[in-house]
Amino acid sequence: MKSAYFKYIAALLLFGTNGIVASYIILNSYEIVYLRTMIGSLFLIAVFALTKQKVQFWKNKAHFLYLVISGVAMGASWIFLYEAYAQIGVSIATLAYYCGPVIVMIVSPFLFREKLTTAKLLGFLAVIIGMLGVNGQALSQGGSSWGLICGILGATMYAFMVIFNKKAKSITGLENSMCQLITSFITVATFMSLKQGFSIDITQGNLIPILLLGVVNTGIGCYFYFSSIGSLPVQTVSILGYLEPLSALVFSAALLGEKLSLVQIAGAVLILGGAAFGELFRVNKNEVRGEKGNMVL
């Protein structure tokens, strides 16, 4: 159990540094995501082979199709997220992107027959007010409206990713992560081939942060994440999961010098607090372990 806690927290903190590492890579958003998914996929394939796990996804074609759709959505969500990082900074992009879990929370009653409780509605209302505070302040300060749009589109794609991943119930653990990441890579590679081809100018200064983002943040981070959540209680996964966006805000302030105004800080509290409030009340008391938590990746 201690090992599972360590790996889960380490994964969340790694995911929280994604925007920081990406800020040191002088490439456009889809080039960064292309390299990240390619390196991460190769790493997870190697781990999957070394741990001698068996491929099971082919046993349920419908669930595999759901996972493919989820992977496509993840690739698209990352492109939008990294574009938002470049346009409006890590802090605001992370907050905009983290509306994704709330979208899932609101549509769950219609897709998964989960009860729409007062707690969910209050959480959703808090997030909406928080987003108005964060983004309204950013726009009034001359922030990029395109960056905010990318953040919201990223959140929407995140919601699609989670919804279809939840439908792929028979594909779990490392195999789930590996298949989804490979699909994301194929999606981003297809987009990039149509956009500019596969020619990427990687300078010497970009090499280390690219490898760090691909191997450590994506490969090791996903391995730690998916190898730990199955051993932790659902509520623990839900509560600790909010270390990821919180750490992203702290790291961006400490390492990149990004600052939030008082209004934006209040908005951040409403967004993360509202999402956490709705999520914690969503957890079924009869569930003990094994549910996937929210992550920005």
C-alpha atoms as a PDB file:
ATOM      1  CA  MET A   1       0.000   0.000   0.000  1.00  0.00           C
ATOM      2  CA  LYS A   2       2.857   2.414   0.816  1.00  0.00           C
ATOM      3  CA  SER A   3       4.391   1.702  -2.583  1.00  0.00           C
ATOM      4  CA  ALA A   4       1.056   2.420  -4.285  1.00  0.00           C
ATOM      5  CA  TYR A   5       0.708   5.743  -2.443  1.00  0.00           C
ATOM      6  CA  PHE A   6       4.250   6.736  -3.397  1.00  0.00           C
ATOM      7  CA  LYS A   7       3.756   5.879  -7.063  1.00  0.00           C
ATOM      8  CA  TYR A   8       0.397   7.618  -7.277  1.00  0.00           C
ATOM      9  CA  ILE A   9       1.611  10.858  -5.665  1.00  0.00           C
ATOM     10  CA  ALA A  10       4.809  10.785  -7.743  1.00  0.00           C
ATOM     11  CA  ALA A  11       2.713  10.390 -10.910  1.00  0.00           C
ATOM     12  CA  LEU A  12       0.483  13.340  -9.992  1.00  0.00           C
ATOM     13  CA  LEU A  13       3.461  15.585  -9.295  1.00  0.00           C
ATOM     14  CA  LEU A  14       5.070  14.549 -12.586  1.00  0.00           C
ATOM     15  CA  PHE A  15       1.863  15.386 -14.458  1.00  0.00           C
ATOM     16  CA  GLY A  16       1.786  18.720 -12.644  1.00  0.00           C
ATOM     17  CA  THR A  17       5.138  19.657 -14.210  1.00  0.00           C
ATOM     18  CA  ASN A  18       4.038  18.963 -17.810  1.00  0.00           C
ATOM     19  CA  GLY A  19       3.447  22.615 -18.592  1.00  0.00           C
ATOM     20  CA  ILE A  20       6.747  23.625 -16.975  1.00  0.00           C
ATOM     21  CA  VAL A  21       8.757  21.158 -19.050  1.00  0.00           C
ATOM     22  CA  ALA A  22       6.854  22.089 -22.229  1.00  0.00           C
ATOM     23  CA  SER A  23       7.699  25.768 -21.712  1.00  0.00           C
ATOM     24  CA  TYR A  24      11.363  24.908 -22.358  1.00  0.00           C
ATOM     25  CA  ILE A  25      10.604  23.205 -25.689  1.00  0.00           C
ATOM     26  CA  ILE A  26      10.676  25.615 -28.619  1.00  0.00           C
ATOM     27  CA  LEU A  27       8.279  23.737 -30.896  1.00  0.00           C
ATOM     28  CA  ASN A  28       4.602  24.187 -31.714  1.00  0.00           C
ATOM     29  CA  SER A  29       1.923  22.372 -29.714  1.00  0.00           C
ATOM     30  CA  TYR A  30       1.284  19.430 -32.045  1.00  0.00           C
ATOM     31  CA  GLU A  31       5.024  18.782 -32.518  1.00  0.00           C
ATOM     32  CA  ILE A  32       5.447  18.593 -28.738  1.00  0.00           C
ATOM     33  CA  VAL A  33       2.469  16.241 -28.393  1.00  0.00           C
ATOM     34  CA  TYR A  34       3.714  14.121 -31.318  1.00  0.00           C
ATOM     35  CA  LEU A  35       7.109  13.591 -29.679  1.00  0.00           C
ATOM     36  CA  ARG A  36       5.577  13.106 -26.242  1.00  0.00           C
ATOM     37  CA  THR A  37       3.136  10.412 -27.364  1.00  0.00           C
ATOM     38  CA  MET A  38       5.733   8.655 -29.521  1.00  0.00           C
ATOM     39  CA  ILE A  39       8.359   8.427 -26.756  1.00  0.00           C
ATOM     40  CA  GLY A  40       5.755   7.608 -24.102  1.00  0.00           C
ATOM     41  CA  SER A  41       4.240   4.855 -26.268  1.00  0.00           C
ATOM     42  CA  LEU A  42       7.613   3.229 -26.901  1.00  0.00           C
ATOM     43  CA  PHE A  43       8.372   3.316 -23.182  1.00  0.00           C
ATOM     44  CA  LEU A  44       5.049   1.725 -22.182  1.00  0.00           C
ATOM     45  CA  ILE A  45       5.394  -0.957 -24.886  1.00  0.00           C
ATOM     46  CA  ALA A  46       8.824  -1.802 -23.442  1.00  0.00           C
ATOM     47  CA  VAL A  47       7.445  -1.947 -19.876  1.00  0.00           C
ATOM     48  CA  PHE A  48       4.494  -4.070 -21.018  1.00  0.00           C
ATOM     49  CA  ALA A  49       6.856  -6.518 -22.740  1.00  0.00           C
ATOM     50  CA  LEU A  50       9.363  -6.659 -19.872  1.00  0.00           C
ATOM     51  CA  THR A  51       6.634  -7.342 -17.303  1.00  0.00           C
ATOM     52  CA  LYS A  52       5.402 -10.179 -19.576  1.00  0.00           C
ATOM     53  CA  GLN A  53       1.796  -9.061 -19.544  1.00  0.00           C
ATOM     54  CA  LYS A  54      -0.679 -10.581 -21.997  1.00  0.00           C
ATOM     55  CA  VAL A  55      -2.615  -8.603 -24.584  1.00  0.00           C
ATOM     56  CA  GLN A  56      -6.345  -8.851 -23.890  1.00  0.00           C
ATOM     57  CA  PHE A  57      -7.907  -5.963 -25.805  1.00  0.00           C
ATOM     58  CA  TRP A  58      -8.838  -8.066 -28.847  1.00  0.00           C
ATOM     59  CA  LYS A  59     -11.269 -10.151 -26.778  1.00  0.00           C
ATOM     60  CA  ASN A  60     -13.885  -7.384 -26.743  1.00  0.00           C
ATOM     61  CA  LYS A  61     -13.997  -5.451 -30.006  1.00  0.00           C
ATOM     62  CA  ALA A  62     -16.626  -2.971 -28.800  1.00  0.00           C
ATOM     63  CA  HIS A  63     -14.549  -2.007 -25.761  1.00  0.00           C
ATOM     64  CA  PHE A  64     -11.457  -1.706 -27.936  1.00  0.00           C
ATOM     65  CA  LEU A  65     -13.354   0.680 -30.239  1.00  0.00           C
ATOM     66  CA  TYR A  66     -14.305   2.781 -27.205  1.00  0.00           C
ATOM     67  CA  LEU A  67     -10.654   2.878 -26.167  1.00  0.00           C
ATOM     68  CA  VAL A  68      -9.588   3.948 -29.671  1.00  0.00           C
ATOM     69  CA  ILE A  69     -12.087   6.832 -29.565  1.00  0.00           C
ATOM     70  CA  SER A  70     -10.775   7.730 -26.109  1.00  0.00           C
ATOM     71  CA  GLY A  71      -7.217   7.750 -27.444  1.00  0.00           C
ATOM     72  CA  VAL A  72      -8.165  10.003 -30.352  1.00  0.00           C
ATOM     73  CA  ALA A  73      -9.823  12.405 -27.908  1.00  0.00           C
ATOM     74  CA  MET A  74      -6.746  12.356 -25.661  1.00  0.00           C
ATOM     75  CA  GLY A  75      -4.450  13.263 -28.553  1.00  0.00           C
ATOM     76  CA  ALA A  76      -6.739  16.155 -29.521  1.00  0.00           C
ATOM     77  CA  SER A  77      -7.065  17.327 -25.906  1.00  0.00           C
ATOM     78  CA  TRP A  78      -3.280  17.457 -25.497  1.00  0.00           C
ATOM     79  CA  ILE A  79      -2.848  19.484 -28.680  1.00  0.00           C
ATOM     80  CA  PHE A  80      -5.359  22.035 -27.392  1.00  0.00           C
ATOM     81  CA  LEU A  81      -3.831  22.008 -23.899  1.00  0.00           C
ATOM     82  CA  TYR A  82      -0.278  22.612 -25.087  1.00  0.00           C
ATOM     83  CA  GLU A  83      -1.475  25.384 -27.391  1.00  0.00           C
ATOM     84  CA  ALA A  84      -3.204  26.932 -24.369  1.00  0.00           C
ATOM     85  CA  TYR A  85       0.046  26.628 -22.382  1.00  0.00           C
ATOM     86  CA  ALA A  86       1.804  28.644 -25.087  1.00  0.00           C
ATOM     87  CA  GLN A  87      -0.948  31.250 -25.419  1.00  0.00           C
ATOM     88  CA  ILE A  88      -2.088  31.964 -21.844  1.00  0.00           C
ATOM     89  CA  GLY A  89       0.441  30.250 -19.572  1.00  0.00           C
ATOM     90  CA  VAL A  90       0.380  27.100 -17.478  1.00  0.00           C
ATOM     91  CA  SER A  91      -1.787  28.410 -14.618  1.00  0.00           C
ATOM     92  CA  ILE A  92      -4.853  29.576 -16.543  1.00  0.00           C
ATOM     93  CA  ALA A  93      -4.572  26.788 -19.142  1.00  0.00           C
ATOM     94  CA  THR A  94      -4.600  24.183 -16.357  1.00  0.00           C
ATOM     95  CA  LEU A  95      -7.639  25.738 -14.716  1.00  0.00           C
ATOM     96  CA  ALA A  96      -9.527  25.899 -18.025  1.00  0.00           C
ATOM     97  CA  TYR A  97      -8.584  22.310 -18.837  1.00  0.00           C
ATOM     98  CA  TYR A  98      -9.675  21.066 -15.441  1.00  0.00           C
ATOM     99  CA  CYS A  99     -13.281  21.831 -16.298  1.00  0.00           C
ATOM    100  CA  GLY A 100     -13.107  18.483 -18.124  1.00  0.00           C
ATOM    101  CA  PRO A 101     -13.900  16.367 -15.020  1.00  0.00           C
ATOM    102  CA  VAL A 102     -16.864  18.636 -14.282  1.00  0.00           C
ATOM    103  CA  ILE A 103     -18.261  18.105 -17.789  1.00  0.00           C
ATOM    104  CA  VAL A 104     -18.014  14.359 -17.162  1.00  0.00           C
ATOM    105  CA  MET A 105     -19.724  14.791 -13.803  1.00  0.00           C
ATOM    106  CA  ILE A 106     -22.678  16.622 -15.398  1.00  0.00           C
ATOM    107  CA  VAL A 107     -23.223  14.198 -18.301  1.00  0.00           C
ATOM    108  CA  SER A 108     -22.746  11.051 -16.189  1.00  0.00           C
ATOM    109  CA  PRO A 109     -26.451  10.869 -15.181  1.00  0.00           C
ATOM    110  CA  PHE A 110     -27.415  10.662 -18.859  1.00  0.00           C
ATOM    111  CA  LEU A 111     -24.644   8.302 -20.009  1.00  0.00           C
ATOM    112  CA  PHE A 112     -23.960   6.122 -16.967  1.00  0.00           C
ATOM    113  CA  ARG A 113     -27.245   6.484 -15.075  1.00  0.00           C
ATOM    114  CA  GLU A 114     -25.524   8.138 -12.136  1.00  0.00           C
ATOM    115  CA  LYS A 115     -27.791  10.206  -9.943  1.00  0.00           C
ATOM    116  CA  LEU A 116     -27.601  13.987 -10.435  1.00  0.00           C
ATOM    117  CA  THR A 117     -27.296  15.131  -6.829  1.00  0.00           C
ATOM    118  CA  THR A 118     -27.458  18.568  -5.268  1.00  0.00           C
ATOM    119  CA  ALA A 119     -23.728  18.261  -4.532  1.00  0.00           C
ATOM    120  CA  LYS A 120     -22.977  17.835  -8.251  1.00  0.00           C
ATOM    121  CA  LEU A 121     -25.072  20.846  -9.184  1.00  0.00           C
ATOM    122  CA  LEU A 122     -23.430  23.002  -6.498  1.00  0.00           C
ATOM    123  CA  GLY A 123     -19.993  21.825  -7.642  1.00  0.00           C
ATOM    124  CA  PHE A 124     -20.835  22.647 -11.252  1.00  0.00           C
ATOM    125  CA  LEU A 125     -22.110  26.110 -10.278  1.00  0.00           C
ATOM    126  CA  ALA A 126     -18.898  26.790  -8.311  1.00  0.00           C
ATOM    127  CA  VAL A 127     -16.770  25.791 -11.304  1.00  0.00           C
ATOM    128  CA  ILE A 128     -18.738  28.051 -13.680  1.00  0.00           C
ATOM    129  CA  ILE A 129     -18.350  31.035 -11.332  1.00  0.00           C
ATOM    130  CA  GLY A 130     -14.659  30.210 -10.917  1.00  0.00           C
ATOM    131  CA  MET A 131     -14.128  30.051 -14.684  1.00  0.00           C
ATOM    132  CA  LEU A 132     -15.791  33.447 -15.110  1.00  0.00           C
ATOM    133  CA  GLY A 133     -13.462  34.874 -12.457  1.00  0.00           C
ATOM    134  CA  VAL A 134     -10.287  33.361 -13.916  1.00  0.00           C
ATOM    135  CA  ASN A 135     -11.010  33.938 -17.607  1.00  0.00           C
ATOM    136  CA  GLY A 136     -12.777  37.274 -17.237  1.00  0.00           C
ATOM    137  CA  GLN A 137      -9.752  38.626 -15.395  1.00  0.00           C
ATOM    138  CA  ALA A 138      -7.398  37.180 -18.018  1.00  0.00           C
ATOM    139  CA  LEU A 139      -9.322  38.800 -20.879  1.00  0.00           C
ATOM    140  CA  SER A 140      -9.474  42.149 -19.097  1.00  0.00           C
ATOM    141  CA  GLN A 141      -5.688  41.993 -18.760  1.00  0.00           C
ATOM    142  CA  GLY A 142      -5.279  41.414 -22.490  1.00  0.00           C
ATOM    143  CA  GLY A 143      -5.149  37.638 -22.351  1.00  0.00           C
ATOM    144  CA  SER A 144      -5.441  35.592 -25.515  1.00  0.00           C
ATOM    145  CA  SER A 145      -9.033  34.634 -26.306  1.00  0.00           C
ATOM    146  CA  TRP A 146      -7.675  31.899 -28.616  1.00  0.00           C
ATOM    147  CA  GLY A 147      -5.729  30.442 -25.695  1.00  0.00           C
ATOM    148  CA  LEU A 148      -8.867  30.339 -23.543  1.00  0.00           C
ATOM    149  CA  ILE A 149     -10.801  28.691 -26.378  1.00  0.00           C
ATOM    150  CA  CYS A 150      -8.055  26.069 -26.656  1.00  0.00           C
ATOM    151  CA  GLY A 151      -8.291  25.422 -22.917  1.00  0.00           C
ATOM    152  CA  ILE A 152     -12.061  24.891 -23.125  1.00  0.00           C
ATOM    153  CA  LEU A 153     -11.754  22.703 -26.246  1.00  0.00           C
ATOM    154  CA  GLY A 154      -9.085  20.694 -24.428  1.00  0.00           C
ATOM    155  CA  ALA A 155     -11.471  20.232 -21.491  1.00  0.00           C
ATOM    156  CA  THR A 156     -14.214  19.074 -23.857  1.00  0.00           C
ATOM    157  CA  MET A 157     -11.910  16.522 -25.490  1.00  0.00           C
ATOM    158  CA  TYR A 158     -10.815  15.432 -22.002  1.00  0.00           C
ATOM    159  CA  ALA A 159     -14.465  14.707 -21.200  1.00  0.00           C
ATOM    160  CA  PHE A 160     -14.805  12.562 -24.344  1.00  0.00           C
ATOM    161  CA  MET A 161     -11.590  10.757 -23.377  1.00  0.00           C
ATOM    162  CA  VAL A 162     -12.863   9.867 -19.899  1.00  0.00           C
ATOM    163  CA  ILE A 163     -16.376   8.939 -21.031  1.00  0.00           C
ATOM    164  CA  PHE A 164     -15.217   6.454 -23.682  1.00  0.00           C
ATOM    165  CA  ASN A 165     -12.458   5.132 -21.443  1.00  0.00           C
ATOM    166  CA  LYS A 166     -15.069   4.343 -18.792  1.00  0.00           C
ATOM    167  CA  LYS A 167     -16.998   2.372 -21.430  1.00  0.00           C
ATOM    168  CA  ALA A 168     -13.942   0.192 -22.184  1.00  0.00           C
ATOM    169  CA  LYS A 169     -14.441  -1.717 -18.930  1.00  0.00           C
ATOM    170  CA  SER A 170     -12.681  -4.929 -19.953  1.00  0.00           C
ATOM    171  CA  ILE A 171      -9.362  -3.209 -20.823  1.00  0.00           C
ATOM    172  CA  THR A 172      -7.630  -2.032 -17.666  1.00  0.00           C
ATOM    173  CA  GLY A 173      -4.288  -1.144 -16.099  1.00  0.00           C
ATOM    174  CA  LEU A 174      -1.130  -0.763 -18.136  1.00  0.00           C
ATOM    175  CA  GLU A 175      -2.695  -2.269 -21.257  1.00  0.00           C
ATOM    176  CA  ASN A 176      -5.375   0.432 -21.190  1.00  0.00           C
ATOM    177  CA  SER A 177      -2.787   3.194 -20.878  1.00  0.00           C
ATOM    178  CA  MET A 178      -0.544   1.694 -23.574  1.00  0.00           C
ATOM    179  CA  CYS A 179      -3.344   1.240 -26.128  1.00  0.00           C
ATOM    180  CA  GLN A 180      -4.709   4.705 -25.482  1.00  0.00           C
ATOM    181  CA  LEU A 181      -1.311   6.370 -25.764  1.00  0.00           C
ATOM    182  CA  ILE A 182      -0.502   4.515 -29.004  1.00  0.00           C
ATOM    183  CA  THR A 183      -3.847   5.626 -30.458  1.00  0.00           C
ATOM    184  CA  SER A 184      -3.107   9.203 -29.378  1.00  0.00           C
ATOM    185  CA  PHE A 185       0.254   9.021 -31.118  1.00  0.00           C
ATOM    186  CA  ILE A 186      -1.332   7.769 -34.357  1.00  0.00           C
ATOM    187  CA  THR A 187      -3.938  10.560 -34.156  1.00  0.00           C
ATOM    188  CA  VAL A 188      -1.385  13.322 -33.632  1.00  0.00           C
ATOM    189  CA  ALA A 189       0.960  11.822 -36.254  1.00  0.00           C
ATOM    190  CA  THR A 190      -1.871  11.828 -38.813  1.00  0.00           C
ATOM    191  CA  PHE A 191      -2.721  15.445 -38.010  1.00  0.00           C
ATOM    192  CA  MET A 192       0.912  16.521 -38.237  1.00  0.00           C
ATOM    193  CA  SER A 193       1.484  14.687 -41.532  1.00  0.00           C
ATOM    194  CA  LEU A 194      -1.406  16.634 -43.069  1.00  0.00           C
ATOM    195  CA  LYS A 195      -0.268  19.884 -41.484  1.00  0.00           C
ATOM    196  CA  GLN A 196       3.468  19.899 -42.260  1.00  0.00           C
ATOM    197  CA  GLY A 197       4.838  16.392 -42.694  1.00  0.00           C
ATOM    198  CA  PHE A 198       7.126  14.693 -40.201  1.00  0.00           C
ATOM    199  CA  SER A 199      10.032  17.110 -40.426  1.00  0.00           C
ATOM    200  CA  ILE A 200      10.787  18.580 -36.977  1.00  0.00           C
ATOM    201  CA  ASP A 201      13.723  20.873 -36.248  1.00  0.00           C
ATOM    202  CA  ILE A 202      14.953  19.618 -32.864  1.00  0.00           C
ATOM    203  CA  THR A 203      17.751  21.815 -31.583  1.00  0.00           C
ATOM    204  CA  GLN A 204      20.221  20.650 -28.950  1.00  0.00           C
ATOM    205  CA  GLY A 205      18.510  22.753 -26.285  1.00  0.00           C
ATOM    206  CA  ASN A 206      15.174  21.038 -26.951  1.00  0.00           C
ATOM    207  CA  LEU A 207      16.462  17.471 -26.652  1.00  0.00           C
ATOM    208  CA  ILE A 208      16.636  17.165 -22.850  1.00  0.00           C
ATOM    209  CA  PRO A 209      13.161  18.613 -22.095  1.00  0.00           C
ATOM    210  CA  ILE A 210      11.667  16.487 -24.924  1.00  0.00           C
ATOM    211  CA  LEU A 211      13.150  13.301 -23.454  1.00  0.00           C
ATOM    212  CA  LEU A 212      12.083  14.385 -19.960  1.00  0.00           C
ATOM    213  CA  LEU A 213       8.509  14.988 -21.107  1.00  0.00           C
ATOM    214  CA  GLY A 214       8.311  11.755 -23.111  1.00  0.00           C
ATOM    215  CA  VAL A 215      10.151   9.272 -20.893  1.00  0.00           C
ATOM    216  CA  VAL A 216       9.691  10.627 -17.356  1.00  0.00           C
ATOM    217  CA  ASN A 217       6.455  12.661 -17.389  1.00  0.00           C
ATOM    218  CA  THR A 218       4.576  10.452 -19.845  1.00  0.00           C
ATOM    219  CA  GLY A 219       6.125   6.977 -19.771  1.00  0.00           C
ATOM    220  CA  ILE A 220       7.102   6.667 -16.106  1.00  0.00           C
ATOM    221  CA  GLY A 221       4.222   8.894 -14.990  1.00  0.00           C
ATOM    222  CA  CYS A 222       1.601   6.718 -16.729  1.00  0.00           C
ATOM    223  CA  TYR A 223       3.250   3.530 -15.474  1.00  0.00           C
ATOM    224  CA  PHE A 224       3.250   4.802 -11.870  1.00  0.00           C
ATOM    225  CA  TYR A 225      -0.337   6.011 -12.223  1.00  0.00           C
ATOM    226  CA  PHE A 226      -1.930   2.901 -13.695  1.00  0.00           C
ATOM    227  CA  SER A 227       0.080   0.481 -11.556  1.00  0.00           C
ATOM    228  CA  SER A 228      -1.040   2.203  -8.345  1.00  0.00           C
ATOM    229  CA  ILE A 229      -4.699   3.235  -8.627  1.00  0.00           C
ATOM    230  CA  GLY A 230      -5.952  -0.360  -8.560  1.00  0.00           C
ATOM    231  CA  SER A 231      -4.463  -0.788  -5.068  1.00  0.00           C
ATOM    232  CA  LEU A 232      -5.913   2.403  -3.586  1.00  0.00           C
ATOM    233  CA  PRO A 233      -9.412   3.187  -2.276  1.00  0.00           C
ATOM    234  CA  VAL A 234     -11.588   5.176  -4.682  1.00  0.00           C
ATOM    235  CA  GLN A 235     -11.928   8.156  -2.338  1.00  0.00           C
ATOM    236  CA  THR A 236      -8.146   8.307  -1.919  1.00  0.00           C
ATOM    237  CA  VAL A 237      -7.716   8.406  -5.692  1.00  0.00           C
ATOM    238  CA  SER A 238     -10.336  11.164  -5.958  1.00  0.00           C
ATOM    239  CA  ILE A 239      -8.963  13.333  -3.151  1.00  0.00           C
ATOM    240  CA  LEU A 240      -5.263  13.015  -3.980  1.00  0.00           C
ATOM    241  CA  GLY A 241      -6.023  13.496  -7.684  1.00  0.00           C
ATOM    242  CA  TYR A 242      -6.369  17.223  -7.065  1.00  0.00           C
ATOM    243  CA  LEU A 243      -2.671  17.420  -6.215  1.00  0.00           C
ATOM    244  CA  GLU A 244      -2.087  17.492  -9.969  1.00  0.00           C
ATOM    245  CA  PRO A 245      -3.710  20.849 -10.862  1.00  0.00           C
ATOM    246  CA  LEU A 246      -2.663  22.346  -7.518  1.00  0.00           C
ATOM    247  CA  SER A 247       0.965  21.367  -8.094  1.00  0.00           C
ATOM    248  CA  ALA A 248       0.767  22.789 -11.631  1.00  0.00           C
ATOM    249  CA  LEU A 249      -0.306  26.154 -10.204  1.00  0.00           C
ATOM    250  CA  VAL A 250       2.449  26.091  -7.557  1.00  0.00           C
ATOM    251  CA  PHE A 251       5.167  25.026 -10.009  1.00  0.00           C
ATOM    252  CA  SER A 252       4.151  27.658 -12.572  1.00  0.00           C
ATOM    253  CA  ALA A 253       4.297  30.375  -9.904  1.00  0.00           C
ATOM    254  CA  ALA A 254       7.617  29.194  -8.437  1.00  0.00           C
ATOM    255  CA  LEU A 255       9.471  28.260 -11.627  1.00  0.00           C
ATOM    256  CA  LEU A 256       7.903  30.392 -14.360  1.00  0.00           C
ATOM    257  CA  GLY A 257       6.963  33.436 -12.301  1.00  0.00           C
ATOM    258  CA  GLU A 258       3.293  33.256 -13.329  1.00  0.00           C
ATOM    259  CA  LYS A 259       1.037  35.138 -10.956  1.00  0.00           C
ATOM    260  CA  LEU A 260      -2.700  34.969 -10.372  1.00  0.00           C
ATOM    261  CA  SER A 261      -4.654  37.992  -9.180  1.00  0.00           C
ATOM    262  CA  LEU A 262      -6.855  37.759  -6.089  1.00  0.00           C
ATOM    263  CA  VAL A 263      -9.906  37.317  -8.323  1.00  0.00           C
ATOM    264  CA  GLN A 264      -8.173  34.530 -10.237  1.00  0.00           C
ATOM    265  CA  ILE A 265      -7.030  32.845  -7.012  1.00  0.00           C
ATOM    266  CA  ALA A 266     -10.633  32.914  -5.793  1.00  0.00           C
ATOM    267  CA  GLY A 267     -11.683  31.491  -9.163  1.00  0.00           C
ATOM    268  CA  ALA A 268      -9.070  28.738  -8.878  1.00  0.00           C
ATOM    269  CA  VAL A 269     -10.398  27.793  -5.427  1.00  0.00           C
ATOM    270  CA  LEU A 270     -13.946  27.622  -6.804  1.00  0.00           C
ATOM    271  CA  ILE A 271     -12.902  25.539  -9.832  1.00  0.00           C
ATOM    272  CA  LEU A 272     -10.831  22.985  -7.948  1.00  0.00           C
ATOM    273  CA  GLY A 273     -13.046  23.033  -4.864  1.00  0.00           C
ATOM    274  CA  GLY A 274     -16.224  22.666  -6.899  1.00  0.00           C
ATOM    275  CA  ALA A 275     -14.759  19.835  -8.974  1.00  0.00           C
ATOM    276  CA  ALA A 276     -13.498  18.043  -5.864  1.00  0.00           C
ATOM    277  CA  PHE A 277     -16.796  18.539  -4.028  1.00  0.00           C
ATOM    278  CA  GLY A 278     -18.855  17.085  -6.868  1.00  0.00           C
ATOM    279  CA  GLU A 279     -16.386  14.249  -7.438  1.00  0.00           C
ATOM    280  CA  LEU A 280     -16.242  13.137  -3.815  1.00  0.00           C
ATOM    281  CA  PHE A 281     -20.024  12.965  -3.567  1.00  0.00           C
ATOM    282  CA  ARG A 282     -20.130  11.100  -6.886  1.00  0.00           C
ATOM    283  CA  VAL A 283     -18.155   8.156  -5.498  1.00  0.00           C
ATOM    284  CA  ASN A 284     -20.441   5.242  -4.758  1.00  0.00           C
ATOM    285  CA  LYS A 285     -20.128   4.133  -1.133  1.00  0.00           C
ATOM    286  CA  ASN A 286     -20.307   0.529  -2.229  1.00  0.00           C
ATOM    287  CA  GLU A 287     -17.214   0.867  -4.407  1.00  0.00           C
ATOM    288  CA  VAL A 288     -14.000   0.047  -2.595  1.00  0.00           C
ATOM    289  CA  ARG A 289     -11.231   0.273  -5.169  1.00  0.00           C
ATOM    290  CA  GLY A 290     -10.270   0.159  -8.795  1.00  0.00           C
ATOM    291  CA  GLU A 291     -11.884   3.258 -10.288  1.00  0.00           C
ATOM    292  CA  LYS A 292      -9.763   5.467 -12.533  1.00  0.00           C
ATOM    293  CA  GLY A 293      -9.160   8.924 -11.151  1.00  0.00           C
ATOM    294  CA  ASN A 294      -9.019  12.247 -12.949  1.00  0.00           C
ATOM    295  CA  MET A 295      -5.737  13.359 -14.372  1.00  0.00           C
ATOM    296  CA  VAL A 296      -4.616  16.099 -16.721  1.00  0.00           C
ATOM    297  CA  LEU A 297      -1.584  14.123 -17.904  1.00  0.00           C
END
